[in-house]
Amino acid sequence: MDYKMTENTVFPLVEVDLRKGESIQLESGAMVYHNGEINLEGKMNSNGKSGFGGAIRALGRSMSSGESFFITKATGLTDTAKMALAPATPGAIKELQVGAEH
């Protein structure tokens, strides 16, 4: 997976290139466009739980942390899958390094 952030624009985007089988999770409404080589699957943001318990967990996550009740999983169908993501509100997009680098 590769990505590129647009810079110095009023409405910034993150352009993501996925290879076949690679996937990312995104909040509902974050995707601006894709090139048709992406499979989209929506589900509750329940961290693996299903049924009534999953719905309660997704509702709790939504109410306590502001996360979306639904999330979308985007999976590349080819090695040239492309999509663009945008923030929910106008503003800058910043890269956040997660994990320890040695």
PDB file of N, CA and C in Angstrom:
ATOM      1  N   MET A   1       0.841  -1.163   0.000  1.00  0.00           N
ATOM      2  CA  MET A   1       0.000   0.000   0.000  1.00  0.00           C
ATOM      3  C   MET A   1       0.891   1.232   0.000  1.00  0.00           C
ATOM      4  N   ASP A   2       0.565   2.146  -0.865  1.00  0.00           N
ATOM      5  CA  ASP A   2       1.257   3.432  -0.911  1.00  0.00           C
ATOM      6  C   ASP A   2       0.223   4.526  -0.767  1.00  0.00           C
ATOM      7  N   TYR A   3       0.651   5.672  -0.279  1.00  0.00           N
ATOM      8  CA  TYR A   3      -0.262   6.802  -0.177  1.00  0.00           C
ATOM      9  C   TYR A   3       0.495   8.100  -0.416  1.00  0.00           C
ATOM     10  N   LYS A   4      -0.265   9.113  -0.794  1.00  0.00           N
ATOM     11  CA  LYS A   4       0.299  10.438  -1.033  1.00  0.00           C
ATOM     12  C   LYS A   4      -0.683  11.453  -0.480  1.00  0.00           C
ATOM     13  N   MET A   5      -0.192  12.403   0.291  1.00  0.00           N
ATOM     14  CA  MET A   5      -1.043  13.455   0.824  1.00  0.00           C
ATOM     15  C   MET A   5      -0.874  14.704  -0.031  1.00  0.00           C
ATOM     16  N   THR A   6      -2.005  15.302  -0.411  1.00  0.00           N
ATOM     17  CA  THR A   6      -1.915  16.570  -1.131  1.00  0.00           C
ATOM     18  C   THR A   6      -1.544  17.648  -0.122  1.00  0.00           C
ATOM     19  N   GLU A   7      -0.769  18.602  -0.567  1.00  0.00           N
ATOM     20  CA  GLU A   7      -0.304  19.651   0.336  1.00  0.00           C
ATOM     21  C   GLU A   7      -0.733  21.013  -0.169  1.00  0.00           C
ATOM     22  N   ASN A   8      -0.805  21.960   0.751  1.00  0.00           N
ATOM     23  CA  ASN A   8      -1.103  23.349   0.434  1.00  0.00           C
ATOM     24  C   ASN A   8      -2.400  23.513  -0.343  1.00  0.00           C
ATOM     25  N   THR A   9      -3.420  22.754   0.030  1.00  0.00           N
ATOM     26  CA  THR A   9      -4.725  22.908  -0.594  1.00  0.00           C
ATOM     27  C   THR A   9      -5.756  23.180   0.492  1.00  0.00           C
ATOM     28  N   VAL A  10      -6.833  23.850   0.111  1.00  0.00           N
ATOM     29  CA  VAL A  10      -7.895  24.152   1.064  1.00  0.00           C
ATOM     30  C   VAL A  10      -8.603  22.872   1.490  1.00  0.00           C
ATOM     31  N   PHE A  11      -8.783  21.948   0.550  1.00  0.00           N
ATOM     32  CA  PHE A  11      -9.443  20.679   0.833  1.00  0.00           C
ATOM     33  C   PHE A  11      -8.458  19.539   0.568  1.00  0.00           C
ATOM     34  N   PRO A  12      -7.680  19.156   1.577  1.00  0.00           N
ATOM     35  CA  PRO A  12      -6.641  18.138   1.381  1.00  0.00           C
ATOM     36  C   PRO A  12      -7.221  16.742   1.174  1.00  0.00           C
ATOM     37  N   LEU A  13      -6.469  15.911   0.477  1.00  0.00           N
ATOM     38  CA  LEU A  13      -6.835  14.520   0.227  1.00  0.00           C
ATOM     39  C   LEU A  13      -5.659  13.617   0.542  1.00  0.00           C
ATOM     40  N   VAL A  14      -5.967  12.366   0.834  1.00  0.00           N
ATOM     41  CA  VAL A  14      -4.956  11.314   0.896  1.00  0.00           C
ATOM     42  C   VAL A  14      -5.293  10.357  -0.234  1.00  0.00           C
ATOM     43  N   GLU A  15      -4.399  10.240  -1.203  1.00  0.00           N
ATOM     44  CA  GLU A  15      -4.605   9.330  -2.322  1.00  0.00           C
ATOM     45  C   GLU A  15      -3.908   8.012  -1.990  1.00  0.00           C
ATOM     46  N   VAL A  16      -4.671   6.916  -2.007  1.00  0.00           N
ATOM     47  CA  VAL A  16      -4.183   5.612  -1.584  1.00  0.00           C
ATOM     48  C   VAL A  16      -4.139   4.663  -2.774  1.00  0.00           C
ATOM     49  N   ASP A  17      -3.024   3.977  -2.942  1.00  0.00           N
ATOM     50  CA  ASP A  17      -2.880   2.932  -3.955  1.00  0.00           C
ATOM     51  C   ASP A  17      -2.853   1.589  -3.231  1.00  0.00           C
ATOM     52  N   LEU A  18      -3.800   0.720  -3.570  1.00  0.00           N
ATOM     53  CA  LEU A  18      -3.869  -0.616  -2.971  1.00  0.00           C
ATOM     54  C   LEU A  18      -3.502  -1.656  -4.010  1.00  0.00           C
ATOM     55  N   ARG A  19      -2.797  -2.684  -3.585  1.00  0.00           N
ATOM     56  CA  ARG A  19      -2.545  -3.815  -4.458  1.00  0.00           C
ATOM     57  C   ARG A  19      -3.637  -4.853  -4.225  1.00  0.00           C
ATOM     58  N   LYS A  20      -3.719  -5.823  -5.088  1.00  0.00           N
ATOM     59  CA  LYS A  20      -4.747  -6.854  -4.989  1.00  0.00           C
ATOM     60  C   LYS A  20      -4.693  -7.520  -3.606  1.00  0.00           C
ATOM     61  N   GLY A  21      -5.839  -7.548  -2.920  1.00  0.00           N
ATOM     62  CA  GLY A  21      -5.948  -8.177  -1.619  1.00  0.00           C
ATOM     63  C   GLY A  21      -5.643  -7.278  -0.436  1.00  0.00           C
ATOM     64  N   GLU A  22      -4.979  -6.138  -0.648  1.00  0.00           N
ATOM     65  CA  GLU A  22      -4.711  -5.210   0.447  1.00  0.00           C
ATOM     66  C   GLU A  22      -6.006  -4.496   0.820  1.00  0.00           C
ATOM     67  N   SER A  23      -6.158  -4.186   2.105  1.00  0.00           N
ATOM     68  CA  SER A  23      -7.373  -3.501   2.527  1.00  0.00           C
ATOM     69  C   SER A  23      -7.085  -2.494   3.621  1.00  0.00           C
ATOM     70  N   ILE A  24      -7.972  -1.531   3.740  1.00  0.00           N
ATOM     71  CA  ILE A  24      -7.925  -0.544   4.808  1.00  0.00           C
ATOM     72  C   ILE A  24      -9.346  -0.349   5.319  1.00  0.00           C
ATOM     73  N   GLN A  25      -9.458   0.131   6.557  1.00  0.00           N
ATOM     74  CA  GLN A  25     -10.756   0.469   7.119  1.00  0.00           C
ATOM     75  C   GLN A  25     -10.860   1.977   7.174  1.00  0.00           C
ATOM     76  N   LEU A  26     -12.030   2.494   6.824  1.00  0.00           N
ATOM     77  CA  LEU A  26     -12.239   3.922   6.853  1.00  0.00           C
ATOM     78  C   LEU A  26     -13.623   4.233   7.395  1.00  0.00           C
ATOM     79  N   GLU A  27     -13.762   5.422   7.955  1.00  0.00           N
ATOM     80  CA  GLU A  27     -15.049   5.835   8.474  1.00  0.00           C
ATOM     81  C   GLU A  27     -15.986   6.171   7.328  1.00  0.00           C
ATOM     82  N   SER A  28     -17.268   6.018   7.590  1.00  0.00           N
ATOM     83  CA  SER A  28     -18.278   6.342   6.583  1.00  0.00           C
ATOM     84  C   SER A  28     -18.127   7.791   6.157  1.00  0.00           C
ATOM     85  N   GLY A  29     -18.208   8.027   4.866  1.00  0.00           N
ATOM     86  CA  GLY A  29     -18.133   9.375   4.326  1.00  0.00           C
ATOM     87  C   GLY A  29     -16.732   9.885   4.065  1.00  0.00           C
ATOM     88  N   ALA A  30     -15.692   9.116   4.400  1.00  0.00           N
ATOM     89  CA  ALA A  30     -14.321   9.586   4.221  1.00  0.00           C
ATOM     90  C   ALA A  30     -13.846   9.462   2.771  1.00  0.00           C
ATOM     91  N   MET A  31     -14.417   8.521   2.007  1.00  0.00           N
ATOM     92  CA  MET A  31     -13.954   8.300   0.643  1.00  0.00           C
ATOM     93  C   MET A  31     -14.544   9.348  -0.305  1.00  0.00           C
ATOM     94  N   VAL A  32     -13.671   9.927  -1.106  1.00  0.00           N
ATOM     95  CA  VAL A  32     -14.085  10.921  -2.091  1.00  0.00           C
ATOM     96  C   VAL A  32     -14.318  10.261  -3.448  1.00  0.00           C
ATOM     97  N   TYR A  33     -13.393   9.396  -3.847  1.00  0.00           N
ATOM     98  CA  TYR A  33     -13.547   8.679  -5.115  1.00  0.00           C
ATOM     99  C   TYR A  33     -12.704   7.418  -5.110  1.00  0.00           C
ATOM    100  N   HIS A  34     -13.008   6.516  -6.056  1.00  0.00           N
ATOM    101  CA  HIS A  34     -12.147   5.366  -6.330  1.00  0.00           C
ATOM    102  C   HIS A  34     -12.249   5.043  -7.811  1.00  0.00           C
ATOM    103  N   ASN A  35     -11.319   4.234  -8.309  1.00  0.00           N
ATOM    104  CA  ASN A  35     -11.244   3.984  -9.746  1.00  0.00           C
ATOM    105  C   ASN A  35     -12.014   2.740 -10.193  1.00  0.00           C
ATOM    106  N   GLY A  36     -12.873   2.192  -9.352  1.00  0.00           N
ATOM    107  CA  GLY A  36     -13.673   1.040  -9.738  1.00  0.00           C
ATOM    108  C   GLY A  36     -12.986  -0.294  -9.517  1.00  0.00           C
ATOM    109  N   GLU A  37     -11.775  -0.269  -9.010  1.00  0.00           N
ATOM    110  CA  GLU A  37     -11.025  -1.499  -8.770  1.00  0.00           C
ATOM    111  C   GLU A  37     -10.927  -1.789  -7.267  1.00  0.00           C
ATOM    112  N   ILE A  38     -11.941  -1.326  -6.536  1.00  0.00           N
ATOM    113  CA  ILE A  38     -12.003  -1.453  -5.082  1.00  0.00           C
ATOM    114  C   ILE A  38     -13.311  -2.153  -4.716  1.00  0.00           C
ATOM    115  N   ASN A  39     -13.233  -3.095  -3.781  1.00  0.00           N
ATOM    116  CA  ASN A  39     -14.444  -3.700  -3.222  1.00  0.00           C
ATOM    117  C   ASN A  39     -14.724  -3.015  -1.888  1.00  0.00           C
ATOM    118  N   LEU A  40     -15.950  -2.533  -1.702  1.00  0.00           N
ATOM    119  CA  LEU A  40     -16.330  -1.854  -0.465  1.00  0.00           C
ATOM    120  C   LEU A  40     -17.291  -2.724   0.323  1.00  0.00           C
ATOM    121  N   GLU A  41     -17.009  -2.882   1.610  1.00  0.00           N
ATOM    122  CA  GLU A  41     -17.856  -3.692   2.479  1.00  0.00           C
ATOM    123  C   GLU A  41     -18.138  -2.886   3.745  1.00  0.00           C
ATOM    124  N   GLY A  42     -19.404  -2.574   3.992  1.00  0.00           N
ATOM    125  CA  GLY A  42     -19.782  -1.825   5.184  1.00  0.00           C
ATOM    126  C   GLY A  42     -20.193  -2.758   6.301  1.00  0.00           C
ATOM    127  N   LYS A  43     -19.857  -2.373   7.538  1.00  0.00           N
ATOM    128  CA  LYS A  43     -20.256  -3.175   8.694  1.00  0.00           C
ATOM    129  C   LYS A  43     -20.273  -2.288   9.931  1.00  0.00           C
ATOM    130  N   MET A  44     -20.852  -2.826  11.015  1.00  0.00           N
ATOM    131  CA  MET A  44     -20.856  -2.104  12.283  1.00  0.00           C
ATOM    132  C   MET A  44     -19.444  -2.040  12.839  1.00  0.00           C
ATOM    133  N   ASN A  45     -19.129  -0.972  13.513  1.00  0.00           N
ATOM    134  CA  ASN A  45     -17.832  -0.782  14.153  1.00  0.00           C
ATOM    135  C   ASN A  45     -17.866  -1.457  15.521  1.00  0.00           C
ATOM    136  N   SER A  46     -17.931  -2.808  15.519  1.00  0.00           N
ATOM    137  CA  SER A  46     -18.152  -3.561  16.759  1.00  0.00           C
ATOM    138  C   SER A  46     -16.945  -4.375  17.198  1.00  0.00           C
ATOM    139  N   ASN A  47     -15.809  -4.168  16.558  1.00  0.00           N
ATOM    140  CA  ASN A  47     -14.567  -4.844  16.929  1.00  0.00           C
ATOM    141  C   ASN A  47     -14.718  -6.369  16.936  1.00  0.00           C
ATOM    142  N   GLY A  48     -15.359  -6.901  15.900  1.00  0.00           N
ATOM    143  CA  GLY A  48     -15.451  -8.344  15.743  1.00  0.00           C
ATOM    144  C   GLY A  48     -16.699  -8.996  16.303  1.00  0.00           C
ATOM    145  N   LYS A  49     -17.471  -8.303  17.118  1.00  0.00           N
ATOM    146  CA  LYS A  49     -18.692  -8.878  17.680  1.00  0.00           C
ATOM    147  C   LYS A  49     -19.814  -8.777  16.659  1.00  0.00           C
ATOM    148  N   SER A  50     -20.781  -9.706  16.736  1.00  0.00           N
ATOM    149  CA  SER A  50     -21.924  -9.660  15.821  1.00  0.00           C
ATOM    150  C   SER A  50     -23.213  -9.718  16.619  1.00  0.00           C
ATOM    151  N   GLY A  51     -24.323  -9.586  15.938  1.00  0.00           N
ATOM    152  CA  GLY A  51     -25.629  -9.661  16.580  1.00  0.00           C
ATOM    153  C   GLY A  51     -25.905  -8.467  17.466  1.00  0.00           C
ATOM    154  N   PHE A  52     -26.779  -8.694  18.463  1.00  0.00           N
ATOM    155  CA  PHE A  52     -27.189  -7.622  19.364  1.00  0.00           C
ATOM    156  C   PHE A  52     -26.004  -7.073  20.162  1.00  0.00           C
ATOM    157  N   GLY A  53     -25.129  -7.972  20.620  1.00  0.00           N
ATOM    158  CA  GLY A  53     -23.946  -7.536  21.367  1.00  0.00           C
ATOM    159  C   GLY A  53     -23.039  -6.647  20.543  1.00  0.00           C
ATOM    160  N   GLY A  54     -22.915  -6.968  19.259  1.00  0.00           N
ATOM    161  CA  GLY A  54     -22.112  -6.144  18.363  1.00  0.00           C
ATOM    162  C   GLY A  54     -22.712  -4.770  18.165  1.00  0.00           C
ATOM    163  N   ALA A  55     -24.047  -4.722  18.044  1.00  0.00           N
ATOM    164  CA  ALA A  55     -24.724  -3.433  17.880  1.00  0.00           C
ATOM    165  C   ALA A  55     -24.531  -2.560  19.119  1.00  0.00           C
ATOM    166  N   ILE A  56     -24.626  -3.168  20.296  1.00  0.00           N
ATOM    167  CA  ILE A  56     -24.419  -2.418  21.537  1.00  0.00           C
ATOM    168  C   ILE A  56     -22.983  -1.917  21.619  1.00  0.00           C
ATOM    169  N   ARG A  57     -22.025  -2.765  21.251  1.00  0.00           N
ATOM    170  CA  ARG A  57     -20.615  -2.361  21.281  1.00  0.00           C
ATOM    171  C   ARG A  57     -20.362  -1.215  20.297  1.00  0.00           C
ATOM    172  N   ALA A  58     -20.917  -1.312  19.077  1.00  0.00           N
ATOM    173  CA  ALA A  58     -20.730  -0.248  18.085  1.00  0.00           C
ATOM    174  C   ALA A  58     -21.356   1.055  18.564  1.00  0.00           C
ATOM    175  N   LEU A  59     -22.525   0.962  19.184  1.00  0.00           N
ATOM    176  CA  LEU A  59     -23.185   2.154  19.715  1.00  0.00           C
ATOM    177  C   LEU A  59     -22.344   2.772  20.828  1.00  0.00           C
ATOM    178  N   GLY A  60     -21.804   1.938  21.709  1.00  0.00           N
ATOM    179  CA  GLY A  60     -20.955   2.429  22.790  1.00  0.00           C
ATOM    180  C   GLY A  60     -19.713   3.121  22.272  1.00  0.00           C
ATOM    181  N   ARG A  61     -19.077   2.544  21.266  1.00  0.00           N
ATOM    182  CA  ARG A  61     -17.879   3.160  20.670  1.00  0.00           C
ATOM    183  C   ARG A  61     -18.233   4.501  20.044  1.00  0.00           C
ATOM    184  N   SER A  62     -19.392   4.538  19.386  1.00  0.00           N
ATOM    185  CA  SER A  62     -19.834   5.762  18.733  1.00  0.00           C
ATOM    186  C   SER A  62     -20.092   6.870  19.758  1.00  0.00           C
ATOM    187  N   MET A  63     -20.763   6.520  20.844  1.00  0.00           N
ATOM    188  CA  MET A  63     -21.124   7.523  21.848  1.00  0.00           C
ATOM    189  C   MET A  63     -19.938   7.951  22.710  1.00  0.00           C
ATOM    190  N   SER A  64     -19.054   7.027  23.061  1.00  0.00           N
ATOM    191  CA  SER A  64     -17.970   7.355  23.987  1.00  0.00           C
ATOM    192  C   SER A  64     -16.768   8.009  23.314  1.00  0.00           C
ATOM    193  N   SER A  65     -16.448   7.604  22.099  1.00  0.00           N
ATOM    194  CA  SER A  65     -15.233   8.125  21.476  1.00  0.00           C
ATOM    195  C   SER A  65     -15.475   8.950  20.221  1.00  0.00           C
ATOM    196  N   GLY A  66     -16.726   9.017  19.777  1.00  0.00           N
ATOM    197  CA  GLY A  66     -17.020   9.784  18.576  1.00  0.00           C
ATOM    198  C   GLY A  66     -16.733   9.035  17.292  1.00  0.00           C
ATOM    199  N   GLU A  67     -16.367   7.742  17.397  1.00  0.00           N
ATOM    200  CA  GLU A  67     -16.136   6.949  16.190  1.00  0.00           C
ATOM    201  C   GLU A  67     -17.462   6.711  15.478  1.00  0.00           C
ATOM    202  N   SER A  68     -17.392   6.422  14.200  1.00  0.00           N
ATOM    203  CA  SER A  68     -18.593   6.137  13.429  1.00  0.00           C
ATOM    204  C   SER A  68     -19.212   4.820  13.871  1.00  0.00           C
ATOM    205  N   PHE A  69     -20.540   4.737  13.812  1.00  0.00           N
ATOM    206  CA  PHE A  69     -21.254   3.502  14.117  1.00  0.00           C
ATOM    207  C   PHE A  69     -20.931   2.454  13.058  1.00  0.00           C
ATOM    208  N   PHE A  70     -20.815   2.904  11.796  1.00  0.00           N
ATOM    209  CA  PHE A  70     -20.467   2.016  10.690  1.00  0.00           C
ATOM    210  C   PHE A  70     -19.075   2.347  10.178  1.00  0.00           C
ATOM    211  N   ILE A  71     -18.352   1.325   9.752  1.00  0.00           N
ATOM    212  CA  ILE A  71     -17.071   1.518   9.091  1.00  0.00           C
ATOM    213  C   ILE A  71     -17.104   0.784   7.759  1.00  0.00           C
ATOM    214  N   THR A  72     -16.232   1.179   6.870  1.00  0.00           N
ATOM    215  CA  THR A  72     -16.146   0.571   5.550  1.00  0.00           C
ATOM    216  C   THR A  72     -14.776  -0.068   5.394  1.00  0.00           C
ATOM    217  N   LYS A  73     -14.757  -1.277   4.879  1.00  0.00           N
ATOM    218  CA  LYS A  73     -13.502  -1.950   4.549  1.00  0.00           C
ATOM    219  C   LYS A  73     -13.356  -1.869   3.036  1.00  0.00           C
ATOM    220  N   ALA A  74     -12.260  -1.276   2.576  1.00  0.00           N
ATOM    221  CA  ALA A  74     -11.966  -1.157   1.154  1.00  0.00           C
ATOM    222  C   ALA A  74     -10.832  -2.116   0.820  1.00  0.00           C
ATOM    223  N   THR A  75     -11.059  -2.998  -0.168  1.00  0.00           N
ATOM    224  CA  THR A  75     -10.071  -4.000  -0.561  1.00  0.00           C
ATOM    225  C   THR A  75      -9.743  -3.837  -2.038  1.00  0.00           C
ATOM    226  N   GLY A  76      -8.467  -3.852  -2.370  1.00  0.00           N
ATOM    227  CA  GLY A  76      -8.050  -3.755  -3.761  1.00  0.00           C
ATOM    228  C   GLY A  76      -8.388  -5.024  -4.532  1.00  0.00           C
ATOM    229  N   LEU A  77      -8.999  -4.866  -5.695  1.00  0.00           N
ATOM    230  CA  LEU A  77      -9.336  -5.999  -6.557  1.00  0.00           C
ATOM    231  C   LEU A  77      -8.245  -6.266  -7.591  1.00  0.00           C
ATOM    232  N   THR A  78      -7.410  -5.263  -7.849  1.00  0.00           N
ATOM    233  CA  THR A  78      -6.301  -5.377  -8.796  1.00  0.00           C
ATOM    234  C   THR A  78      -5.062  -4.731  -8.170  1.00  0.00           C
ATOM    235  N   ASP A  79      -3.949  -4.811  -8.849  1.00  0.00           N
ATOM    236  CA  ASP A  79      -2.728  -4.167  -8.359  1.00  0.00           C
ATOM    237  C   ASP A  79      -2.691  -2.674  -8.650  1.00  0.00           C
ATOM    238  N   THR A  80      -3.724  -2.133  -9.322  1.00  0.00           N
ATOM    239  CA  THR A  80      -3.760  -0.712  -9.658  1.00  0.00           C
ATOM    240  C   THR A  80      -4.967  -0.019  -9.038  1.00  0.00           C
ATOM    241  N   ALA A  81      -5.480  -0.543  -7.923  1.00  0.00           N
ATOM    242  CA  ALA A  81      -6.634   0.065  -7.257  1.00  0.00           C
ATOM    243  C   ALA A  81      -6.230   1.395  -6.626  1.00  0.00           C
ATOM    244  N   LYS A  82      -7.070   2.403  -6.809  1.00  0.00           N
ATOM    245  CA  LYS A  82      -6.784   3.742  -6.273  1.00  0.00           C
ATOM    246  C   LYS A  82      -8.039   4.314  -5.631  1.00  0.00           C
ATOM    247  N   MET A  83      -7.829   5.092  -4.572  1.00  0.00           N
ATOM    248  CA  MET A  83      -8.932   5.789  -3.927  1.00  0.00           C
ATOM    249  C   MET A  83      -8.398   7.038  -3.257  1.00  0.00           C
ATOM    250  N   ALA A  84      -9.293   7.959  -2.931  1.00  0.00           N
ATOM    251  CA  ALA A  84      -8.902   9.186  -2.233  1.00  0.00           C
ATOM    252  C   ALA A  84      -9.800   9.361  -1.018  1.00  0.00           C
ATOM    253  N   LEU A  85      -9.189   9.816   0.077  1.00  0.00           N
ATOM    254  CA  LEU A  85      -9.891  10.032   1.336  1.00  0.00           C
ATOM    255  C   LEU A  85      -9.749  11.485   1.745  1.00  0.00           C
ATOM    256  N   ALA A  86     -10.764  11.996   2.448  1.00  0.00           N
ATOM    257  CA  ALA A  86     -10.746  13.371   2.931  1.00  0.00           C
ATOM    258  C   ALA A  86     -11.240  13.401   4.374  1.00  0.00           C
ATOM    259  N   PRO A  87     -10.812  14.405   5.140  1.00  0.00           N
ATOM    260  CA  PRO A  87     -11.295  14.523   6.513  1.00  0.00           C
ATOM    261  C   PRO A  87     -12.758  14.957   6.542  1.00  0.00           C
ATOM    262  N   ALA A  88     -13.419  14.704   7.668  1.00  0.00           N
ATOM    263  CA  ALA A  88     -14.832  15.062   7.811  1.00  0.00           C
ATOM    264  C   ALA A  88     -15.047  16.570   7.862  1.00  0.00           C
ATOM    265  N   THR A  89     -14.054  17.296   8.358  1.00  0.00           N
ATOM    266  CA  THR A  89     -14.159  18.756   8.441  1.00  0.00           C
ATOM    267  C   THR A  89     -12.963  19.385   7.734  1.00  0.00           C
ATOM    268  N   PRO A  90     -13.107  20.596   7.235  1.00  0.00           N
ATOM    269  CA  PRO A  90     -11.974  21.253   6.579  1.00  0.00           C
ATOM    270  C   PRO A  90     -10.800  21.406   7.537  1.00  0.00           C
ATOM    271  N   GLY A  91      -9.619  21.243   7.008  1.00  0.00           N
ATOM    272  CA  GLY A  91      -8.409  21.380   7.824  1.00  0.00           C
ATOM    273  C   GLY A  91      -7.283  20.553   7.252  1.00  0.00           C
ATOM    274  N   ALA A  92      -6.174  20.595   7.911  1.00  0.00           N
ATOM    275  CA  ALA A  92      -4.977  19.904   7.447  1.00  0.00           C
ATOM    276  C   ALA A  92      -5.050  18.414   7.764  1.00  0.00           C
ATOM    277  N   ILE A  93      -4.326  17.631   6.981  1.00  0.00           N
ATOM    278  CA  ILE A  93      -4.143  16.212   7.251  1.00  0.00           C
ATOM    279  C   ILE A  93      -2.682  16.035   7.654  1.00  0.00           C
ATOM    280  N   LYS A  94      -2.466  15.367   8.774  1.00  0.00           N
ATOM    281  CA  LYS A  94      -1.115  15.145   9.273  1.00  0.00           C
ATOM    282  C   LYS A  94      -0.834  13.654   9.355  1.00  0.00           C
ATOM    283  N   GLU A  95       0.381  13.266   9.026  1.00  0.00           N
ATOM    284  CA  GLU A  95       0.798  11.870   9.140  1.00  0.00           C
ATOM    285  C   GLU A  95       1.148  11.574  10.587  1.00  0.00           C
ATOM    286  N   LEU A  96       0.671  10.456  11.086  1.00  0.00           N
ATOM    287  CA  LEU A  96       0.934  10.034  12.457  1.00  0.00           C
ATOM    288  C   LEU A  96       1.649   8.697  12.417  1.00  0.00           C
ATOM    289  N   GLN A  97       2.882   8.654  12.899  1.00  0.00           N
ATOM    290  CA  GLN A  97       3.646   7.411  12.954  1.00  0.00           C
ATOM    291  C   GLN A  97       3.166   6.608  14.157  1.00  0.00           C
ATOM    292  N   VAL A  98       2.777   5.355  13.928  1.00  0.00           N
ATOM    293  CA  VAL A  98       2.294   4.488  14.985  1.00  0.00           C
ATOM    294  C   VAL A  98       3.280   3.356  15.190  1.00  0.00           C
ATOM    295  N   GLY A  99       3.597   3.053  16.425  1.00  0.00           N
ATOM    296  CA  GLY A  99       4.534   1.970  16.719  1.00  0.00           C
ATOM    297  C   GLY A  99       5.928   2.513  16.927  1.00  0.00           C
ATOM    298  N   ALA A 100       6.750   1.668  17.485  1.00  0.00           N
ATOM    299  CA  ALA A 100       8.134   2.052  17.770  1.00  0.00           C
ATOM    300  C   ALA A 100       9.018   1.715  16.585  1.00  0.00           C
ATOM    301  N   GLU A 101       9.858   2.636  16.220  1.00  0.00           N
ATOM    302  CA  GLU A 101      10.863   2.405  15.173  1.00  0.00           C
ATOM    303  C   GLU A 101      12.218   2.297  15.844  1.00  0.00           C
ATOM    304  N   HIS A 102      12.984   1.312  15.433  1.00  0.00           N
ATOM    305  CA  HIS A 102      14.311   1.123  16.023  1.00  0.00           C
ATOM    306  C   HIS A 102      15.355   1.281  14.972  1.00  0.00           C
TER     307      HIS A 102
END
